[in-house]
Amino acid sequence: MFFKYNKYKTSFFTRVNLIEFYYFILSIFLILIVSIPPFRSLNSISASLKGYYYVNYIDLGFIKRGLIGTIFKLLRLSDNLTPSLLVLTSHLFFSILFCITFWIFTRSCFKDWKVKEKIPFYTLFTLSPVLFFRLGYDIGRMDLICLVLSLFTIIFTISNSYSFAKKSIFISISISLQLLIHEASLLFYVPLIIGLLFYKYRNVSYKKLLKKIPIFSLPLIIGFLLLVFGRYEPGREELGIYLTNISKELETSMNVELIHTLKDSFDHSLFLLTPKSLLGGSYLITLYYCFILYIVFKFMKLPLYLKLSVFSPLILSFIARDDTRFLAASTICCNLLMIISAKESKLDFPKFFGLLTYIFLITIFLLGPWGIGSYDPLPLLKHYNFN
C-alpha cells in the first residue's frame, strides 16, 4: 500500500514538473497545423514574402532587408530548394526555435510559482491568437526571425551573469542585425529591450551610462545607411527581371518594399489610417487587445516606461497598412513583459482568472490567428486546403 502511494505521488510530481513540456507540445502542434499540408497548401504562401530570401548584397549591392537573402545565398540554400520550400523550411526552423526558447525561458521565469498559478498564464500564452497560432500561420515574414533574435536578447539582458558593457554590446549587435533583416524592427521589440536594459541598471550613474552611448553607434550608422542608400535604385522593372530569372514564383516580390521611399509609405498609409484600423480592424481584436493591456497595467509592478514600450509597434501603422500585424506585435510585447515581470517578481496573479476567462480565451482562439491589415483582420481558414 505504501509502495503504491509513493508511486502515485512520484507520478503526480513528474506531471507537475513536465507542465511546460505539455504546453510546448501543444504549441508545436498549433504551429504545424497552420503551416504544412494538408491543412495548408504551398501555393498559399504569399508571393510577396518569398523575395526576402533571395534579395542580397552580393547581386544587388547594399539594400534594405538583404541580410537573410545574403546568408542563404552564401550557404547555397536558395540553389537547392524551390522558393516555396525554402520559405517553409526556414519558417518551420525559426518557429520551432522560438517555441523551444520561449518555453525554456518561461519555465525559468515562473519557477517559483505554484502550478495552479502557472496554468492560467500558460493557457493565455498558448491560446493567444498572436503567438504560436499566428506565427505558424504567417509563413515567411521576417517578423519571426526578428522575434527570435529579440527573445535571445531579452534573455541575455535580464541575466545576472554578464556586465552592463557586455549586455550593451550584445544589444547593439542584435539591433543592427534586425535592422539589416527588416528596418521596421526598430519599433517592434527594440524599445522593450532598451527599456529593460535601463530597468536592470536603473541604479547605474549617468556618467557610466554616457560612457556606453558610443556602443550604440553601430545601429545608428546602419539605420542611417539604410535610410539613405537602402532603396534599389535601378527600379521596379530591373528588380522584377532579377527575381523572375531566379523563379517565376518571385515575379511579384519586393515591388514596394525595396522601391518606395519612407515618404511614399507615409503618404500612402496616413491617408488610409483610421482609429478602427489602428486597433486591428475588428472589435473582437480590439476587445482582446484591451484585455491583455488590462493585465499589463493592472497586475504588473514594472515601471511605466516599460509598459508604454509595448505601444511602439503601433507607430508603424502611420507608415504601412499592416495595422493588425503591428497590433499583434504590440500584443506579443505584452506577453513578453508578463514573463519578464514574473522573473522579476513583479507580476500579481489576477483573481478573475476562472471559467469565464477560459471561455473568453478559447472563443478568441477559435476565431483563428490575426491577419495583416484591417482589410483582413481575421483570415481564419481561408488559406487552408482540405481537398
Protein backbone atom coordinates (compact mmCIF):
# COMPACT_ATOMS: atom_id res chain seq x y z
CA MET A 1 0.00 0.00 0.00
CA PHE A 2 2.81 2.37 0.93
CA PHE A 3 4.62 1.49 -2.31
CA LYS A 4 1.53 2.23 -4.39
CA TYR A 5 1.05 5.57 -2.66
CA ASN A 6 4.61 6.63 -3.37
CA LYS A 7 4.32 5.51 -6.96
CA TYR A 8 1.23 7.69 -7.39
CA LYS A 9 2.89 10.61 -5.62
CA THR A 10 6.01 10.35 -7.81
CA SER A 11 3.86 10.18 -10.95
CA PHE A 12 1.96 13.28 -9.87
CA PHE A 13 5.08 15.35 -9.30
CA THR A 14 6.51 14.13 -12.58
CA ARG A 15 3.45 15.52 -14.32
CA VAL A 16 3.82 18.78 -12.45
CA ASN A 17 7.46 19.15 -13.46
CA LEU A 18 6.54 18.49 -17.06
CA ILE A 19 3.79 21.08 -17.30
CA GLU A 20 5.89 23.36 -19.54
CA PHE A 21 6.67 20.38 -21.75
CA TYR A 22 2.96 19.68 -22.28
CA TYR A 23 2.32 23.29 -23.26
CA PHE A 24 5.38 23.17 -25.52
CA ILE A 25 4.00 20.14 -27.37
CA LEU A 26 0.64 21.87 -27.79
CA SER A 27 2.40 25.00 -29.09
CA ILE A 28 4.36 22.97 -31.65
CA PHE A 29 1.11 21.37 -32.79
CA LEU A 30 -0.51 24.79 -33.26
CA ILE A 31 2.44 25.99 -35.31
CA LEU A 32 2.49 22.94 -37.56
CA ILE A 33 -1.24 22.64 -38.14
CA VAL A 34 -1.37 26.08 -39.77
CA SER A 35 1.94 25.76 -41.61
CA ILE A 36 2.10 22.49 -43.52
CA PRO A 37 -0.05 20.40 -45.89
CA PRO A 38 -2.68 19.02 -45.87
CA PHE A 39 -4.04 21.85 -43.74
CA ARG A 40 -2.11 24.48 -45.68
CA SER A 41 -1.05 24.34 -49.34
CA LEU A 42 2.35 25.58 -50.53
CA ASN A 43 0.56 27.82 -53.02
CA SER A 44 -0.97 29.79 -50.15
CA ILE A 45 2.44 31.17 -49.12
CA SER A 46 2.46 34.85 -50.00
CA ALA A 47 4.45 35.53 -53.18
CA SER A 48 5.41 38.97 -51.90
CA LEU A 49 7.35 37.44 -48.98
CA LYS A 50 9.42 34.94 -50.95
CA GLY A 51 11.73 37.61 -52.31
CA TYR A 52 13.09 38.32 -48.82
CA TYR A 53 15.01 35.06 -49.05
CA TYR A 54 16.66 35.98 -52.38
CA VAL A 55 17.49 39.70 -52.41
CA ASN A 56 21.09 40.01 -51.25
CA TYR A 57 24.13 42.28 -51.10
CA ILE A 58 26.16 40.12 -53.49
CA ASP A 59 23.95 40.57 -56.55
CA LEU A 60 22.09 43.80 -55.77
CA GLY A 61 24.57 45.77 -53.68
CA PHE A 62 23.73 47.32 -50.30
CA ILE A 63 19.94 47.32 -49.98
CA LYS A 64 17.49 47.17 -47.12
CA ARG A 65 16.21 43.76 -45.99
CA GLY A 66 19.09 41.96 -47.69
CA LEU A 67 20.78 40.11 -44.81
CA ILE A 68 18.76 36.88 -44.82
CA GLY A 69 18.99 36.53 -48.59
CA THR A 70 22.75 37.08 -48.39
CA ILE A 71 23.19 34.39 -45.71
CA PHE A 72 21.02 31.95 -47.65
CA LYS A 73 22.98 32.63 -50.85
CA LEU A 74 26.33 32.08 -49.11
CA LEU A 75 25.01 28.81 -47.68
CA ARG A 76 23.65 27.94 -51.16
CA LEU A 77 20.26 27.14 -49.66
CA SER A 78 18.49 29.11 -52.37
CA ASP A 79 20.12 26.91 -55.04
CA ASN A 80 18.75 23.62 -53.75
CA LEU A 81 15.11 24.38 -52.91
CA THR A 82 12.17 25.98 -54.69
CA PRO A 83 11.13 29.35 -53.23
CA SER A 84 8.07 27.87 -51.54
CA LEU A 85 10.01 25.03 -49.93
CA LEU A 86 12.85 27.35 -48.92
CA VAL A 87 10.44 29.76 -47.22
CA LEU A 88 8.50 26.97 -45.49
CA THR A 89 11.66 25.17 -44.29
CA SER A 90 13.12 28.38 -42.91
CA HIS A 91 9.81 29.31 -41.33
CA LEU A 92 9.47 25.96 -39.56
CA PHE A 93 13.06 26.13 -38.30
CA PHE A 94 12.64 29.57 -36.72
CA SER A 95 9.12 28.77 -35.45
CA ILE A 96 10.31 25.68 -33.60
CA LEU A 97 13.41 27.52 -32.36
CA PHE A 98 11.16 30.26 -30.96
CA CYS A 99 8.86 27.71 -29.37
CA ILE A 100 11.72 25.88 -27.62
CA THR A 101 13.35 29.11 -26.42
CA PHE A 102 10.04 30.61 -25.30
CA TRP A 103 9.10 27.71 -23.03
CA ILE A 104 12.57 27.28 -21.57
CA PHE A 105 12.59 30.99 -20.77
CA THR A 106 9.04 30.90 -19.41
CA ARG A 107 9.82 27.91 -17.20
CA SER A 108 12.80 29.73 -15.67
CA CYS A 109 10.74 32.87 -15.04
CA PHE A 110 7.79 31.06 -13.42
CA LYS A 111 9.89 28.52 -11.49
CA ASP A 112 8.77 29.80 -8.07
CA TRP A 113 5.08 29.85 -8.99
CA LYS A 114 2.56 27.21 -7.98
CA VAL A 115 1.19 25.04 -10.75
CA LYS A 116 -2.36 26.34 -10.29
CA GLU A 117 -0.99 29.87 -10.82
CA LYS A 118 1.10 28.88 -13.84
CA ILE A 119 -1.71 27.22 -15.76
CA PRO A 120 -3.81 30.38 -16.44
CA PHE A 121 -0.80 32.27 -17.78
CA TYR A 122 0.47 29.30 -19.79
CA THR A 123 -3.00 28.86 -21.26
CA LEU A 124 -3.12 32.58 -22.05
CA PHE A 125 0.18 32.30 -23.95
CA THR A 126 -0.71 29.08 -25.77
CA LEU A 127 -4.20 30.15 -26.85
CA SER A 128 -3.04 33.62 -27.87
CA PRO A 129 -4.10 34.46 -31.44
CA VAL A 130 -0.79 36.31 -31.94
CA LEU A 131 1.81 33.86 -30.63
CA PHE A 132 2.14 30.27 -31.84
CA PHE A 133 -1.06 30.22 -33.88
CA ARG A 134 -0.29 33.41 -35.79
CA LEU A 135 3.47 32.84 -36.06
CA GLY A 136 2.74 29.46 -37.63
CA TYR A 137 0.11 30.92 -39.93
CA ASP A 138 2.06 33.94 -41.21
CA ILE A 139 4.63 31.98 -43.20
CA GLY A 140 7.80 33.68 -44.39
CA ARG A 141 7.60 37.07 -42.71
CA MET A 142 10.81 38.47 -41.27
CA ASP A 143 8.99 39.41 -38.06
CA LEU A 144 9.51 35.86 -36.78
CA ILE A 145 13.29 35.97 -37.20
CA CYS A 146 13.44 39.38 -35.51
CA LEU A 147 11.31 37.99 -32.67
CA VAL A 148 13.71 35.07 -32.16
CA LEU A 149 16.67 37.47 -32.03
CA SER A 150 14.78 39.73 -29.64
CA LEU A 151 13.90 36.85 -27.33
CA PHE A 152 17.56 35.79 -27.13
CA THR A 153 18.46 39.42 -26.44
CA ILE A 154 15.87 39.71 -23.66
CA ILE A 155 17.17 36.53 -22.02
CA PHE A 156 20.72 37.87 -22.21
CA THR A 157 19.67 41.26 -20.86
CA ILE A 158 17.88 40.03 -17.73
CA SER A 159 20.62 37.52 -16.92
CA ASN A 160 22.79 38.31 -13.91
CA SER A 161 25.83 36.63 -15.43
CA TYR A 162 27.05 39.48 -17.66
CA SER A 163 28.20 43.04 -17.16
CA PHE A 164 26.41 46.16 -18.33
CA ALA A 165 29.05 46.69 -21.03
CA LYS A 166 28.70 43.16 -22.42
CA LYS A 167 24.93 43.42 -22.46
CA SER A 168 25.12 46.79 -24.24
CA ILE A 169 27.41 45.32 -26.92
CA PHE A 170 25.12 42.32 -27.38
CA ILE A 171 22.04 44.55 -27.68
CA SER A 172 23.81 46.84 -30.15
CA ILE A 173 24.71 43.88 -32.39
CA SER A 174 21.20 42.43 -32.09
CA ILE A 175 19.55 45.72 -33.10
CA SER A 176 21.97 46.08 -36.02
CA LEU A 177 21.21 42.58 -37.32
CA GLN A 178 17.48 43.16 -37.02
CA LEU A 179 17.75 46.44 -38.92
CA LEU A 180 19.53 44.63 -41.76
CA ILE A 181 16.80 41.98 -41.76
CA HIS A 182 13.90 44.45 -41.62
CA GLU A 183 14.27 48.11 -40.73
CA ALA A 184 10.80 48.20 -39.13
CA SER A 185 12.23 46.02 -36.36
CA LEU A 186 13.44 49.24 -34.75
CA LEU A 187 9.89 49.74 -33.45
CA PHE A 188 8.88 46.13 -32.85
CA TYR A 189 10.80 44.85 -29.82
CA VAL A 190 13.81 47.20 -29.60
CA PRO A 191 12.09 49.79 -27.32
CA LEU A 192 11.19 46.98 -24.90
CA ILE A 193 14.79 45.71 -24.93
CA ILE A 194 16.31 49.17 -24.38
CA GLY A 195 13.81 49.87 -21.60
CA LEU A 196 14.68 46.54 -19.99
CA LEU A 197 18.39 47.36 -20.05
CA PHE A 198 17.80 50.65 -18.23
CA TYR A 199 15.47 48.91 -15.78
CA LYS A 200 18.12 46.33 -14.90
CA TYR A 201 20.71 49.08 -14.39
CA ARG A 202 18.48 51.83 -13.05
CA ASN A 203 20.95 52.47 -10.20
CA VAL A 204 23.93 52.98 -12.51
CA SER A 205 25.23 56.55 -12.55
CA TYR A 206 24.50 58.78 -15.54
CA LYS A 207 28.24 59.23 -16.05
CA LYS A 208 28.66 55.49 -16.57
CA LEU A 209 25.62 55.39 -18.87
CA LEU A 210 27.02 58.18 -21.03
CA LYS A 211 30.25 56.26 -21.50
CA LYS A 212 28.28 53.37 -23.04
CA ILE A 213 26.45 55.51 -25.62
CA PRO A 214 29.19 55.02 -28.29
CA ILE A 215 28.46 51.27 -28.15
CA PHE A 216 25.11 52.02 -29.80
CA SER A 217 26.69 53.94 -32.66
CA LEU A 218 26.65 50.77 -34.82
CA PRO A 219 22.84 50.51 -35.17
CA LEU A 220 22.65 54.29 -35.59
CA ILE A 221 25.11 54.16 -38.51
CA ILE A 222 23.36 51.17 -40.07
CA GLY A 223 19.98 52.86 -39.71
CA PHE A 224 21.31 56.00 -41.41
CA LEU A 225 22.84 53.99 -44.28
CA LEU A 226 19.59 52.09 -44.82
CA LEU A 227 17.62 55.32 -44.89
CA VAL A 228 19.94 56.97 -47.42
CA PHE A 229 21.16 54.04 -49.56
CA GLY A 230 18.71 51.20 -48.84
CA ARG A 231 16.44 51.62 -51.87
CA TYR A 232 17.05 49.57 -55.02
CA GLU A 233 17.86 52.45 -57.35
CA PRO A 234 17.55 50.68 -60.76
CA GLY A 235 13.82 50.45 -60.13
CA ARG A 236 10.91 48.02 -60.09
CA GLU A 237 11.42 46.67 -63.62
CA GLU A 238 15.06 45.69 -63.09
CA LEU A 239 14.23 44.11 -59.75
CA GLY A 240 11.42 42.13 -61.36
CA ILE A 241 13.77 40.82 -64.06
CA TYR A 242 16.33 39.74 -61.46
CA LEU A 243 13.80 37.87 -59.33
CA THR A 244 11.89 36.34 -62.25
CA ASN A 245 15.15 34.92 -63.64
CA ILE A 246 15.52 33.04 -60.37
CA SER A 247 11.95 31.70 -60.33
CA LYS A 248 8.52 32.61 -61.65
CA GLU A 249 7.31 32.36 -58.04
CA LEU A 250 9.20 35.58 -57.27
CA GLU A 251 7.62 37.65 -60.03
CA THR A 252 5.65 39.98 -57.72
CA SER A 253 8.05 40.01 -54.76
CA MET A 254 9.50 43.17 -53.17
CA ASN A 255 7.92 45.56 -55.69
CA VAL A 256 7.06 48.06 -52.99
CA GLU A 257 9.44 47.18 -50.15
CA LEU A 258 12.68 47.94 -51.99
CA ILE A 259 11.41 50.75 -54.24
CA HIS A 260 9.27 53.07 -52.12
CA THR A 261 10.83 55.80 -50.01
CA LEU A 262 9.83 56.38 -46.39
CA LYS A 263 7.84 59.43 -47.54
CA ASP A 264 5.99 57.33 -50.15
CA SER A 265 4.97 54.86 -47.45
CA PHE A 266 3.94 57.60 -45.04
CA ASP A 267 1.80 59.45 -47.60
CA HIS A 268 0.04 56.26 -48.69
CA SER A 269 -0.66 54.86 -45.22
CA LEU A 270 -1.61 58.01 -43.35
CA PHE A 271 -4.41 58.69 -45.82
CA LEU A 272 -5.96 55.27 -45.14
CA LEU A 273 -5.39 55.11 -41.37
CA THR A 274 -8.49 55.20 -39.14
CA PRO A 275 -8.94 54.65 -35.37
CA LYS A 276 -10.60 51.31 -36.09
CA SER A 277 -7.76 50.08 -38.33
CA LEU A 278 -5.18 51.29 -35.79
CA LEU A 279 -6.79 48.96 -33.25
CA GLY A 280 -6.84 45.93 -35.52
CA GLY A 281 -9.80 46.43 -37.83
CA SER A 282 -12.16 44.29 -35.75
CA TYR A 283 -13.99 44.89 -32.48
CA LEU A 284 -13.11 41.34 -31.40
CA ILE A 285 -9.40 42.02 -31.91
CA THR A 286 -9.69 45.34 -30.06
CA LEU A 287 -11.51 43.61 -27.17
CA TYR A 288 -8.77 41.01 -26.77
CA TYR A 289 -6.05 43.67 -27.02
CA CYS A 290 -7.71 45.69 -24.24
CA PHE A 291 -7.95 42.53 -22.12
CA ILE A 292 -4.19 41.98 -22.44
CA LEU A 293 -3.46 45.64 -21.72
CA TYR A 294 -5.61 45.42 -18.59
CA ILE A 295 -3.41 42.62 -17.26
CA VAL A 296 -0.24 44.56 -18.12
CA PHE A 297 -1.27 47.82 -16.48
CA LYS A 298 -3.24 46.37 -13.55
CA PHE A 299 -1.20 43.37 -12.39
CA MET A 300 2.40 44.26 -13.28
CA LYS A 301 4.52 46.40 -10.98
CA LEU A 302 7.16 47.31 -13.54
CA PRO A 303 7.95 50.98 -14.33
CA LEU A 304 5.55 52.88 -16.58
CA TYR A 305 8.16 53.37 -19.33
CA LEU A 306 8.43 49.58 -19.75
CA LYS A 307 4.65 49.26 -20.00
CA LEU A 308 4.46 52.10 -22.53
CA SER A 309 7.11 50.41 -24.69
CA VAL A 310 4.50 47.84 -25.78
CA PHE A 311 2.80 50.54 -27.88
CA SER A 312 5.84 51.25 -30.09
CA PRO A 313 4.82 48.80 -32.89
CA LEU A 314 1.61 50.82 -33.39
CA ILE A 315 3.69 53.75 -34.68
CA LEU A 316 4.36 51.66 -37.79
CA SER A 317 0.69 51.97 -38.75
CA PHE A 318 1.50 55.51 -39.86
CA ILE A 319 3.95 54.26 -42.50
CA ALA A 320 2.44 50.92 -43.57
CA ARG A 321 -1.03 49.44 -43.96
CA ASP A 322 -0.34 46.29 -41.91
CA ASP A 323 -2.29 47.59 -38.92
CA THR A 324 -3.35 44.22 -37.47
CA ARG A 325 0.18 42.91 -37.82
CA PHE A 326 1.52 45.81 -35.76
CA LEU A 327 -1.18 45.35 -33.12
CA ALA A 328 -0.14 41.69 -32.96
CA ALA A 329 3.48 42.74 -32.36
CA SER A 330 2.29 45.04 -29.57
CA THR A 331 0.38 42.15 -28.00
CA ILE A 332 3.47 39.93 -28.21
CA CYS A 333 5.38 42.65 -26.33
CA CYS A 334 2.69 42.47 -23.63
CA ASN A 335 3.12 38.69 -23.33
CA LEU A 336 6.90 39.02 -23.11
CA LEU A 337 6.52 41.71 -20.46
CA MET A 338 4.32 39.39 -18.38
CA ILE A 339 7.05 36.74 -18.44
CA ILE A 340 9.75 39.28 -17.58
CA SER A 341 7.67 40.62 -14.68
CA ALA A 342 7.26 37.06 -13.35
CA LYS A 343 11.04 36.71 -13.43
CA GLU A 344 11.39 39.99 -11.51
CA SER A 345 8.66 39.00 -9.00
CA LYS A 346 6.59 41.95 -10.22
CA LEU A 347 3.56 40.05 -11.53
CA ASP A 348 0.41 39.60 -9.45
CA PHE A 349 -1.98 36.76 -10.06
CA PRO A 350 -5.30 38.09 -11.49
CA LYS A 351 -8.03 36.72 -9.27
CA PHE A 352 -10.58 36.99 -12.08
CA PHE A 353 -8.96 34.04 -13.88
CA GLY A 354 -11.70 31.43 -13.89
CA LEU A 355 -14.24 29.64 -16.07
CA LEU A 356 -15.47 32.79 -17.84
CA THR A 357 -11.90 33.84 -18.63
CA TYR A 358 -11.13 30.43 -20.12
CA ILE A 359 -14.31 30.57 -22.22
CA PHE A 360 -13.26 34.01 -23.47
CA LEU A 361 -9.72 32.81 -24.34
CA ILE A 362 -10.99 29.71 -26.11
CA THR A 363 -13.53 31.74 -28.09
CA ILE A 364 -10.87 34.21 -29.23
CA PHE A 365 -8.59 31.32 -30.12
CA LEU A 366 -11.26 29.58 -32.21
CA LEU A 367 -11.68 32.75 -34.28
CA GLY A 368 -8.25 31.99 -35.67
CA PRO A 369 -4.95 33.89 -35.98
CA TRP A 370 -4.90 37.61 -36.61
CA GLY A 371 -4.34 38.79 -40.16
CA ILE A 372 -2.08 41.51 -41.53
CA GLY A 373 -4.24 44.55 -42.20
CA SER A 374 -7.61 45.94 -41.24
CA TYR A 375 -8.88 44.79 -44.63
CA ASP A 376 -8.46 41.18 -43.44
CA PRO A 377 -8.21 41.16 -39.64
CA LEU A 378 -9.38 37.57 -39.00
CA PRO A 379 -8.44 35.43 -42.03
CA LEU A 380 -9.43 32.24 -40.18
CA LEU A 381 -9.36 29.23 -42.51
CA LYS A 382 -9.47 30.87 -45.93
CA HIS A 383 -5.97 29.66 -46.90
CA TYR A 384 -6.44 26.10 -45.67
CA ASN A 385 -6.81 23.31 -48.17
CA PHE A 386 -8.92 20.35 -47.07
CA ASN A 387 -9.35 18.92 -50.56
